Amino acid sequence: MVGVGDQVLLVTGVSEFRVLEIDGDHATVESTHPTAPGRYPFTVRLAELVPVDPT
């Protein structure tokens, strides 16, 4: 389960994103890298998000 403010990965990637908003079974996320090219919020299904392991 992920919540607003959590850092997550997309199932198929290695880039980290921060959850900005959750609406039903979708979340709005944005890259955690401040200088990522084309950094912008976008919507993904919650099922596609994996919490970042804090260790």
Protein backbone atom coordinates (compact mmCIF):
# COMPACT_ATOMS: atom_id res chain seq x y z
CA MET A 1 0.00 0.00 0.00
CA VAL A 2 1.28 3.45 -0.85
CA GLY A 3 0.21 6.83 0.47
CA VAL A 4 0.60 10.52 -0.35
CA GLY A 5 4.23 11.56 0.16
CA ASP A 6 5.62 8.03 -0.26
CA GLN A 7 8.53 7.40 -2.61
CA VAL A 8 7.73 4.70 -5.15
CA LEU A 9 9.07 2.95 -8.23
CA LEU A 10 7.09 2.05 -11.30
CA VAL A 11 6.96 -1.75 -11.58
CA THR A 12 9.21 -1.79 -14.67
CA GLY A 13 11.68 0.97 -13.76
CA VAL A 14 14.37 2.20 -11.43
CA SER A 15 13.48 5.91 -11.27
CA GLU A 16 11.94 7.10 -8.00
CA PHE A 17 8.73 9.10 -7.84
CA ARG A 18 6.83 10.83 -5.03
CA VAL A 19 3.09 10.27 -4.69
CA LEU A 20 1.37 13.66 -4.83
CA GLU A 21 -2.27 12.58 -4.78
CA ILE A 22 -4.39 9.43 -4.73
CA ASP A 23 -7.78 9.32 -6.43
CA GLY A 24 -9.49 5.94 -6.33
CA ASP A 25 -7.19 3.39 -7.94
CA HIS A 26 -4.91 6.01 -9.56
CA ALA A 27 -2.11 8.18 -8.17
CA THR A 28 -0.48 11.37 -9.40
CA VAL A 29 3.31 11.04 -9.12
CA GLU A 30 6.35 13.18 -9.93
CA SER A 31 10.05 12.36 -10.19
CA THR A 32 12.05 12.82 -6.98
CA HIS A 33 15.06 13.96 -9.03
CA PRO A 34 14.89 17.78 -9.05
CA THR A 35 16.67 18.20 -12.41
CA ALA A 36 15.02 15.31 -14.29
CA PRO A 37 14.44 16.34 -17.91
CA GLY A 38 10.76 16.83 -18.56
CA ARG A 39 9.91 16.53 -14.86
CA TYR A 40 6.14 16.82 -14.51
CA PRO A 41 3.35 15.13 -12.54
CA PHE A 42 1.50 12.30 -14.27
CA THR A 43 -1.15 9.72 -13.39
CA VAL A 44 -0.53 5.98 -12.99
CA ARG A 45 -2.54 3.05 -11.63
CA LEU A 46 -1.77 2.26 -7.99
CA ALA A 47 -1.19 -1.36 -9.02
CA GLU A 48 1.87 -0.19 -11.01
CA LEU A 49 3.61 1.35 -7.99
CA VAL A 50 6.08 -0.37 -5.68
CA PRO A 51 7.18 1.31 -2.43
CA VAL A 52 10.89 2.20 -2.29
CA ASP A 53 12.75 0.03 0.22
CA PRO A 54 14.04 2.51 2.84
CA THR A 55 17.12 0.42 3.62
